[in-house]
Amino acid sequence: MTVGSGTVNFQTVRETNLGVVLRTVRELAPCSRAAVASATGLNKTTVSSLVSDLMARGLVRETGRNARQRVGRPGVLLALDDSSIAAVGLEVNVDYLSVVAVDLLQRELLSRHVPFDARTAGAEESVLRIAHTLGDVLADPALSGRTVVGVSVAVPALIDAPSGVVTHAPNLGWRDVPLRERLSELLGAAGAEGVPVRVDNDANLGAVAEYRVGSFAGTADLAYLTGEVGIGAGLLADGEPLRGASGFAGEVGHLPLLPDGPECACGRRGCLEALAGIGAILREAVPDRVPDRPLSGSDIAALVETAAERAENGDATAVGALERAGTWLGRGLAVLINVTNPGLVVLGGYFVPMGPWLLPNCRAEAVASAFAPRAGGCRVELSSLGLSAAARGGATSLIHSLDAGLLPLPGPRASAAPDPV
């Protein structure tokens, strides 16, 4: 073995072990170095060195001494350092940009919802607006003094995640947009050179958010349905995203449910999205308010509010439209349940304010149409994360990538004392 390869291998092993120790501190904190050594199988000297390294990088801190330790010298307790880094998630959808930044403990540092008609703007203008919004967020005082470990962008589209290319986003009108490359260029020109950029499907990241920080956090087998103009599903199996061979798993919005049904944005007819997507619901629930043209981003939020208000007031047209949409959703979910057997389906986005009228029929039809008795025990619930789910999922996925060694750890802070030899 050459010295060069030995150095590379040593550094690779050390970086892996840093991630292992970081993840262990997250799971056990507050905990002692001895507890970390016991949990990881690493010797105490190695753990001490790795902890010193993580402290220098601003990822771990000492919190005091363990008062319950009765024999020997009290151990110093460790916890994650929540003051030094940030991860940023952004979602672009038909009618808004949503941004969330979190710290190492996945606690929110800032959240923004920016109305933006991405469908009308087109791909290039949207990319410029995304970059501008991210630049504003990175300069926000809430992130002052923090190292941004990465930016994640969620898009309602087929995504080639390794390259960050948006392959096809029918509701945005985008095709083959090299989003990661363009954003990296624009952020670099704005002074954020070197910040890792990821691009993923909005439903995938919504599912991650539900698993990590949602009301049903810890449910390892779940599906998250976006409640937008389009309907996508993010699928988790044993806590890991189910992407499929080409990364396109979860496109339940294009399940063909009604031959010769209404035309879908994909060009086919009778898709779930054409029957129970937000655009389809609004055209039936508030027909007098929907313009005779494709809905623009500026229309949707106001129309959803109107539909929910009318249903609350007992308007038969609105209630009937929502109940029918709930039935179609249940039929689509039955297919999903038959194939993937999730323990939980979470309805997100604009499905949430319409949930009181969607859920009863949705749940009943899922049970009636699924093969397994009682839909295999699958529950259908509403998200508590609102329109920030995908952005939050992107930010939290970056944090967990640090633990897993899938994202570079930040270097030592300038003020950190060097680790003694």
Protein backbone atom coordinates (compact mmCIF):
# COMPACT_ATOMS: atom_id res chain seq x y z
CA MET A 1 0.00 0.00 0.00
CA THR A 2 1.39 3.41 -0.93
CA VAL A 3 1.55 6.25 1.53
CA GLY A 4 -0.93 8.20 -0.58
CA SER A 5 -3.58 5.51 -0.62
CA GLY A 6 -2.99 4.88 3.08
CA THR A 7 -3.65 8.55 3.80
CA VAL A 8 -6.82 8.48 1.75
CA ASN A 9 -8.03 5.33 3.46
CA PHE A 10 -7.23 6.69 6.91
CA GLN A 11 -9.11 9.90 6.17
CA THR A 12 -12.09 7.97 4.79
CA VAL A 13 -12.25 5.80 7.90
CA ARG A 14 -11.97 8.84 10.15
CA GLU A 15 -14.73 10.70 8.33
CA THR A 16 -16.93 7.61 8.61
CA ASN A 17 -16.21 7.34 12.33
CA LEU A 18 -16.95 11.04 12.82
CA GLY A 19 -20.39 10.41 11.36
CA VAL A 20 -20.88 7.37 13.59
CA VAL A 21 -20.01 9.35 16.72
CA LEU A 22 -22.16 12.29 15.64
CA ARG A 23 -25.14 9.99 15.07
CA THR A 24 -24.56 8.28 18.41
CA VAL A 25 -24.48 11.58 20.29
CA ARG A 26 -27.74 12.52 18.56
CA GLU A 27 -29.35 9.28 19.72
CA LEU A 28 -27.99 9.23 23.30
CA ALA A 29 -27.52 12.89 24.29
CA PRO A 30 -26.81 13.89 26.91
CA CYS A 31 -24.16 11.20 27.10
CA SER A 32 -20.55 10.68 28.15
CA ARG A 33 -17.61 9.77 25.96
CA ALA A 34 -17.60 6.38 27.67
CA ALA A 35 -21.22 5.83 26.65
CA VAL A 36 -20.35 6.71 23.05
CA ALA A 37 -17.43 4.26 23.11
CA SER A 38 -19.66 1.52 24.49
CA ALA A 39 -22.39 2.15 21.90
CA THR A 40 -20.06 2.33 18.90
CA GLY A 41 -17.46 -0.29 19.80
CA LEU A 42 -14.68 2.26 19.26
CA ASN A 43 -11.99 2.52 21.93
CA LYS A 44 -12.07 5.44 24.37
CA THR A 45 -8.96 7.11 22.98
CA THR A 46 -10.39 7.12 19.46
CA VAL A 47 -13.75 8.43 20.70
CA SER A 48 -12.03 11.21 22.64
CA SER A 49 -10.11 12.27 19.53
CA LEU A 50 -13.24 12.14 17.35
CA VAL A 51 -15.27 14.13 19.89
CA SER A 52 -12.55 16.79 20.00
CA ASP A 53 -12.70 16.97 16.21
CA LEU A 54 -16.50 17.30 16.21
CA MET A 55 -16.30 20.02 18.86
CA ALA A 56 -13.79 21.93 16.76
CA ARG A 57 -16.21 21.71 13.83
CA GLY A 58 -19.05 23.09 15.95
CA LEU A 59 -21.11 19.90 15.88
CA VAL A 60 -20.80 18.65 19.46
CA ARG A 61 -20.51 20.51 22.75
CA GLU A 62 -20.02 19.68 26.42
CA THR A 63 -23.02 20.30 28.64
CA GLY A 64 -21.72 19.65 32.16
CA ARG A 65 -20.97 16.69 34.38
CA ASN A 66 -23.00 13.57 35.04
CA ALA A 67 -24.23 13.95 38.62
CA ARG A 68 -25.57 10.38 38.71
CA GLN A 69 -22.17 8.79 38.22
CA ARG A 70 -21.15 7.54 41.67
CA VAL A 71 -17.80 5.81 41.11
CA GLY A 72 -14.72 7.61 39.94
CA ARG A 73 -14.42 11.00 38.36
CA PRO A 74 -17.73 12.39 37.03
CA GLY A 75 -18.00 12.12 33.24
CA VAL A 76 -18.49 15.21 31.12
CA LEU A 77 -21.73 14.97 29.15
CA LEU A 78 -22.00 15.63 25.43
CA ALA A 79 -24.81 17.01 23.27
CA LEU A 80 -25.20 18.29 19.74
CA ASP A 81 -24.17 21.89 19.23
CA ASP A 82 -27.22 23.71 17.88
CA SER A 83 -25.49 27.06 17.38
CA SER A 84 -23.09 26.60 14.49
CA ILE A 85 -24.70 25.12 11.37
CA ALA A 86 -27.86 25.40 9.28
CA ALA A 87 -29.49 23.40 6.50
CA VAL A 88 -31.89 25.01 4.04
CA GLY A 89 -34.79 23.41 2.21
CA LEU A 90 -36.84 25.10 -0.52
CA GLU A 91 -39.90 23.86 -2.39
CA VAL A 92 -41.03 25.32 -5.69
CA ASN A 93 -44.63 24.59 -6.61
CA VAL A 94 -47.16 25.96 -9.05
CA ASP A 95 -48.12 28.92 -6.88
CA TYR A 96 -45.44 29.41 -4.22
CA LEU A 97 -41.92 29.00 -2.94
CA SER A 98 -41.59 27.65 0.59
CA VAL A 99 -38.31 27.88 2.51
CA VAL A 100 -37.30 26.36 5.85
CA ALA A 101 -33.93 26.47 7.58
CA VAL A 102 -33.13 24.18 10.52
CA ASP A 103 -30.27 23.68 12.95
CA LEU A 104 -28.44 20.47 13.84
CA LEU A 105 -31.31 19.48 16.15
CA GLN A 106 -33.76 19.95 13.25
CA ARG A 107 -35.32 22.94 15.00
CA GLU A 108 -36.63 25.70 12.79
CA LEU A 109 -34.43 28.77 12.38
CA LEU A 110 -36.61 30.51 9.83
CA SER A 111 -39.58 29.80 7.57
CA ARG A 112 -40.86 31.76 4.58
CA HIS A 113 -43.78 31.34 2.21
CA VAL A 114 -43.41 33.37 -0.98
CA PRO A 115 -46.33 33.57 -3.45
CA PHE A 116 -44.91 32.94 -6.91
CA ASP A 117 -46.58 31.86 -10.14
CA ALA A 118 -43.93 29.38 -11.28
CA ARG A 119 -46.11 27.94 -14.03
CA THR A 120 -46.46 31.29 -15.77
CA ALA A 121 -42.87 32.33 -15.08
CA GLY A 122 -41.31 29.39 -16.92
CA ALA A 123 -38.18 27.46 -16.07
CA GLU A 124 -35.42 30.06 -16.45
CA GLU A 125 -37.23 32.85 -14.62
CA SER A 126 -38.16 30.40 -11.89
CA VAL A 127 -34.56 29.30 -11.46
CA LEU A 128 -33.49 32.93 -11.12
CA ARG A 129 -36.21 33.56 -8.53
CA ILE A 130 -35.24 30.44 -6.58
CA ALA A 131 -31.60 31.55 -6.53
CA HIS A 132 -32.58 35.07 -5.44
CA THR A 133 -34.78 33.69 -2.64
CA LEU A 134 -32.03 31.37 -1.45
CA GLY A 135 -29.56 34.24 -1.51
CA ASP A 136 -31.86 36.30 0.71
CA VAL A 137 -32.25 33.38 3.11
CA LEU A 138 -28.52 32.73 3.33
CA ALA A 139 -28.00 36.40 4.21
CA ASP A 140 -30.77 36.42 6.83
CA PRO A 141 -29.63 37.39 10.36
CA ALA A 142 -31.18 34.16 11.66
CA LEU A 143 -28.34 32.28 9.92
CA SER A 144 -25.60 34.74 10.86
CA GLY A 145 -22.45 33.00 12.04
CA ARG A 146 -23.66 29.58 10.93
CA THR A 147 -22.14 27.30 8.32
CA VAL A 148 -24.75 26.28 5.75
CA VAL A 149 -24.09 22.60 5.13
CA GLY A 150 -26.36 22.34 2.11
CA VAL A 151 -29.42 23.47 0.17
CA SER A 152 -32.17 21.09 -0.90
CA VAL A 153 -34.74 22.02 -3.58
CA ALA A 154 -38.01 20.13 -3.93
CA VAL A 155 -39.88 20.14 -7.25
CA PRO A 156 -43.19 18.48 -8.26
CA ALA A 157 -41.53 16.55 -11.04
CA LEU A 158 -39.72 13.49 -12.24
CA ILE A 159 -36.19 14.07 -10.98
CA ASP A 160 -32.89 12.49 -11.88
CA ALA A 161 -31.62 12.93 -8.32
CA PRO A 162 -27.93 12.06 -8.93
CA SER A 163 -27.60 14.79 -11.57
CA GLY A 164 -30.18 17.19 -10.14
CA VAL A 165 -31.96 17.44 -13.51
CA VAL A 166 -35.71 18.06 -13.55
CA THR A 167 -36.68 15.55 -16.23
CA HIS A 168 -40.38 16.39 -16.54
CA ALA A 169 -42.61 18.70 -14.49
CA PRO A 170 -45.95 18.76 -16.37
CA ASN A 171 -47.70 21.16 -14.00
CA LEU A 172 -44.80 23.62 -14.22
CA GLY A 173 -44.16 23.08 -17.92
CA TRP A 174 -40.48 22.18 -17.35
CA ARG A 175 -38.47 19.58 -19.24
CA ASP A 176 -34.82 18.60 -18.82
CA VAL A 177 -33.89 21.56 -16.60
CA PRO A 178 -30.39 21.19 -15.08
CA LEU A 179 -31.57 22.77 -11.84
CA ARG A 180 -28.72 21.76 -9.54
CA GLU A 181 -26.07 22.92 -11.98
CA ARG A 182 -27.77 26.28 -12.60
CA LEU A 183 -28.39 26.95 -8.92
CA SER A 184 -24.80 26.05 -8.01
CA GLU A 185 -23.61 28.55 -10.61
CA LEU A 186 -25.95 31.31 -9.46
CA LEU A 187 -25.28 30.79 -5.75
CA GLY A 188 -21.55 30.71 -6.41
CA ALA A 189 -21.77 34.01 -8.26
CA ALA A 190 -23.67 35.44 -5.28
CA GLY A 191 -20.94 34.47 -2.82
CA ALA A 192 -22.21 31.06 -1.70
CA GLU A 193 -19.73 29.04 -3.73
CA GLY A 194 -19.26 25.46 -2.59
CA VAL A 195 -22.57 25.07 -0.77
CA PRO A 196 -23.86 21.61 -1.78
CA VAL A 197 -27.15 21.70 -3.72
CA ARG A 198 -29.56 18.78 -3.97
CA VAL A 199 -32.72 18.43 -6.04
CA ASP A 200 -35.47 15.91 -5.28
CA ASN A 201 -39.14 15.21 -5.81
CA ASP A 202 -41.48 17.17 -3.51
CA ALA A 203 -43.46 14.12 -2.42
CA ASN A 204 -40.30 12.20 -1.50
CA LEU A 205 -39.15 15.03 0.73
CA GLY A 206 -42.63 15.48 2.18
CA ALA A 207 -42.51 11.83 3.25
CA VAL A 208 -39.10 12.38 4.86
CA ALA A 209 -40.48 15.35 6.80
CA GLU A 210 -43.43 13.33 8.08
CA TYR A 211 -41.09 10.55 9.20
CA ARG A 212 -38.58 12.87 10.87
CA VAL A 213 -40.63 15.68 12.42
CA GLY A 214 -44.33 15.26 11.57
CA SER A 215 -47.17 14.37 13.93
CA PHE A 216 -46.59 10.69 13.18
CA ALA A 217 -42.78 10.83 13.28
CA GLY A 218 -41.12 7.45 13.50
CA THR A 219 -43.69 5.63 11.32
CA ALA A 220 -41.23 3.75 9.15
CA ASP A 221 -43.61 2.59 6.40
CA LEU A 222 -45.63 5.52 5.18
CA ALA A 223 -46.82 7.35 2.09
CA TYR A 224 -47.19 11.10 1.78
CA LEU A 225 -49.58 12.50 -0.84
CA THR A 226 -49.01 16.02 -2.05
CA GLY A 227 -52.21 18.01 -2.16
CA GLU A 228 -51.36 20.31 -5.01
CA VAL A 229 -52.49 20.76 -8.61
CA GLY A 230 -50.58 17.53 -9.12
CA ILE A 231 -50.75 14.48 -6.89
CA GLY A 232 -47.53 12.65 -6.15
CA ALA A 233 -46.71 10.12 -3.44
CA GLY A 234 -43.53 9.92 -1.46
CA LEU A 235 -43.00 6.36 -0.23
CA LEU A 236 -40.92 5.18 2.70
CA ALA A 237 -40.14 1.51 3.37
CA ASP A 238 -38.53 0.85 6.75
CA GLY A 239 -37.69 4.55 6.96
CA GLU A 240 -35.92 4.71 3.59
CA PRO A 241 -37.26 6.37 0.42
CA LEU A 242 -38.59 3.93 -2.16
CA ARG A 243 -37.41 5.49 -5.42
CA GLY A 244 -37.61 2.69 -7.98
CA ALA A 245 -35.09 1.79 -10.67
CA SER A 246 -35.03 5.28 -12.24
CA GLY A 247 -36.19 7.36 -9.29
CA PHE A 248 -39.75 7.75 -10.56
CA ALA A 249 -41.68 5.68 -7.99
CA GLY A 250 -44.78 7.20 -6.41
CA GLU A 251 -46.49 8.80 -9.41
CA VAL A 252 -49.94 7.80 -8.16
CA GLY A 253 -51.47 10.93 -9.65
CA HIS A 254 -51.31 9.18 -13.01
CA LEU A 255 -53.06 5.98 -12.02
CA PRO A 256 -55.79 5.52 -14.67
CA LEU A 257 -59.04 5.21 -12.71
CA LEU A 258 -61.76 6.28 -15.14
CA PRO A 259 -61.59 5.35 -18.84
CA ASP A 260 -62.59 8.33 -20.99
CA GLY A 261 -62.52 10.54 -17.86
CA PRO A 262 -61.35 14.16 -17.78
CA GLU A 263 -58.08 15.01 -19.48
CA CYS A 264 -55.00 15.11 -17.29
CA ALA A 265 -51.99 17.44 -17.60
CA CYS A 266 -49.97 14.38 -18.69
CA GLY A 267 -52.14 14.08 -21.82
CA ARG A 268 -54.00 10.95 -20.71
CA ARG A 269 -57.56 10.70 -19.45
CA GLY A 270 -59.10 9.62 -16.17
CA CYS A 271 -55.96 9.86 -14.02
CA LEU A 272 -56.36 10.28 -10.26
CA GLU A 273 -54.91 13.78 -10.61
CA ALA A 274 -57.59 14.75 -13.14
CA LEU A 275 -60.28 13.50 -10.76
CA ALA A 276 -58.99 14.57 -7.33
CA GLY A 277 -56.16 17.03 -7.89
CA ILE A 278 -56.73 20.50 -6.47
CA GLY A 279 -57.52 21.98 -9.88
CA ALA A 280 -60.15 19.32 -10.53
CA ILE A 281 -61.69 19.81 -7.08
CA LEU A 282 -61.90 23.57 -7.43
CA ARG A 283 -63.59 23.42 -10.83
CA GLU A 284 -66.38 21.37 -9.27
CA ALA A 285 -66.51 22.97 -5.82
CA VAL A 286 -66.52 26.66 -6.83
CA PRO A 287 -67.44 26.63 -10.55
CA ASP A 288 -68.58 30.25 -10.50
CA ARG A 289 -65.19 31.43 -9.24
CA VAL A 290 -62.82 29.39 -11.41
CA PRO A 291 -61.61 31.27 -14.50
CA ASP A 292 -62.09 29.76 -17.96
CA ARG A 293 -58.38 29.11 -18.41
CA PRO A 294 -55.67 27.03 -16.75
CA LEU A 295 -55.40 28.01 -13.10
CA SER A 296 -52.46 30.26 -12.38
CA GLY A 297 -50.51 30.17 -9.18
CA SER A 298 -52.19 33.33 -7.90
CA ASP A 299 -55.64 31.69 -8.15
CA ILE A 300 -55.21 28.54 -6.13
CA ALA A 301 -54.83 29.55 -2.47
CA ALA A 302 -57.80 31.93 -2.61
CA LEU A 303 -60.01 29.39 -4.36
CA VAL A 304 -59.11 26.67 -1.85
CA GLU A 305 -60.11 29.01 0.97
CA THR A 306 -63.40 29.79 -0.76
CA ALA A 307 -64.17 26.10 -1.32
CA ALA A 308 -63.51 25.28 2.35
CA GLU A 309 -65.63 28.23 3.52
CA ARG A 310 -68.53 27.18 1.33
CA ALA A 311 -68.31 23.59 2.52
CA GLU A 312 -68.24 24.81 6.12
CA ASN A 313 -71.42 26.75 5.41
CA GLY A 314 -73.10 23.65 3.98
CA ASP A 315 -73.02 24.61 0.30
CA ALA A 316 -74.18 21.45 -1.50
CA THR A 317 -72.02 22.03 -4.59
CA ALA A 318 -68.83 22.43 -2.57
CA VAL A 319 -69.60 19.57 -0.19
CA GLY A 320 -70.53 17.21 -3.03
CA ALA A 321 -67.35 18.03 -4.97
CA LEU A 322 -65.14 17.40 -1.95
CA GLU A 323 -66.88 14.17 -1.06
CA ARG A 324 -66.55 12.85 -4.63
CA ALA A 325 -62.88 13.78 -4.64
CA GLY A 326 -62.47 11.92 -1.36
CA THR A 327 -63.96 8.81 -2.96
CA TRP A 328 -61.53 8.99 -5.89
CA LEU A 329 -58.64 9.54 -3.51
CA GLY A 330 -59.69 6.43 -1.58
CA ARG A 331 -59.71 4.36 -4.77
CA GLY A 332 -56.26 5.60 -5.68
CA LEU A 333 -55.00 4.89 -2.17
CA ALA A 334 -56.39 1.35 -2.36
CA VAL A 335 -54.04 0.66 -5.30
CA LEU A 336 -51.14 2.16 -3.37
CA ILE A 337 -52.01 0.13 -0.27
CA ASN A 338 -52.27 -3.10 -2.29
CA VAL A 339 -48.82 -2.57 -3.79
CA THR A 340 -46.77 -1.05 -0.95
CA ASN A 341 -48.70 -1.86 2.28
CA PRO A 342 -47.91 1.36 4.19
CA GLY A 343 -48.92 1.68 7.81
CA LEU A 344 -49.89 5.31 7.29
CA VAL A 345 -50.91 7.61 4.45
CA VAL A 346 -50.56 11.33 5.13
CA LEU A 347 -52.49 13.84 3.02
CA GLY A 348 -50.62 17.12 2.69
CA GLY A 349 -50.74 20.50 0.97
CA TYR A 350 -54.17 21.88 0.07
CA PHE A 351 -55.81 18.58 1.00
CA VAL A 352 -55.45 19.66 4.64
CA PRO A 353 -57.96 22.57 4.72
CA MET A 354 -60.37 20.39 2.71
CA GLY A 355 -59.72 17.38 4.92
CA PRO A 356 -62.95 17.38 6.96
CA TRP A 357 -64.92 16.68 3.78
CA LEU A 358 -62.33 14.54 1.96
CA LEU A 359 -61.38 12.15 4.74
CA PRO A 360 -64.62 10.26 5.49
CA ASN A 361 -65.13 9.01 1.92
CA CYS A 362 -61.39 8.61 1.37
CA ARG A 363 -61.01 6.33 4.37
CA ALA A 364 -64.17 4.35 3.63
CA GLU A 365 -63.28 3.80 -0.05
CA ALA A 366 -59.70 2.80 0.77
CA VAL A 367 -61.01 0.11 3.11
CA ALA A 368 -63.68 -1.02 0.64
CA SER A 369 -61.34 -1.21 -2.36
CA ALA A 370 -58.12 -2.52 -0.82
CA PHE A 371 -57.52 -6.27 -0.93
CA ALA A 372 -56.44 -6.72 2.69
CA PRO A 373 -59.10 -6.52 5.41
CA ARG A 374 -59.35 -3.01 6.88
CA ALA A 375 -56.82 -1.83 4.26
CA GLY A 376 -54.08 -3.81 6.02
CA GLY A 377 -54.39 -1.56 9.06
CA CYS A 378 -53.34 1.50 7.09
CA ARG A 379 -54.46 4.82 8.58
CA VAL A 380 -55.19 7.92 6.52
CA GLU A 381 -54.41 11.20 8.31
CA LEU A 382 -53.84 14.88 7.59
CA SER A 383 -50.41 16.48 7.72
CA SER A 384 -49.62 19.06 10.39
CA LEU A 385 -46.72 20.51 8.37
CA GLY A 386 -48.81 22.56 5.94
CA LEU A 387 -47.22 23.86 2.76
CA SER A 388 -43.72 23.63 4.24
CA ALA A 389 -43.51 19.81 4.35
CA ALA A 390 -41.26 19.29 1.32
CA ALA A 391 -38.97 22.19 2.24
CA ARG A 392 -38.70 20.91 5.80
CA GLY A 393 -38.03 17.39 4.54
CA GLY A 394 -35.21 18.67 2.36
CA ALA A 395 -33.60 20.52 5.26
CA THR A 396 -33.86 17.59 7.67
CA SER A 397 -32.55 15.15 5.06
CA LEU A 398 -29.39 17.25 4.84
CA ILE A 399 -28.93 17.05 8.60
CA HIS A 400 -29.27 13.27 8.56
CA SER A 401 -26.86 13.07 5.62
CA LEU A 402 -24.23 14.57 7.92
CA ASP A 403 -24.76 11.73 10.39
CA ALA A 404 -24.66 9.12 7.62
CA GLY A 405 -21.48 10.48 6.04
CA LEU A 406 -23.33 11.35 2.81
CA LEU A 407 -22.55 15.05 3.13
CA PRO A 408 -19.17 16.62 3.94
CA LEU A 409 -18.84 17.70 7.55
CA PRO A 410 -17.97 21.38 8.00
CA GLY A 411 -14.33 22.10 8.70
CA PRO A 412 -13.01 23.34 12.04
CA ARG A 413 -14.17 26.81 13.01
CA ALA A 414 -11.57 29.53 12.81
CA SER A 415 -11.82 30.16 16.54
CA ALA A 416 -11.43 26.51 17.48
CA ALA A 417 -8.25 25.52 19.27
CA PRO A 418 -6.14 22.96 17.41
CA ASP A 419 -6.47 19.37 18.58
CA PRO A 420 -3.37 18.50 20.60
CA VAL A 421 -1.01 16.01 19.00
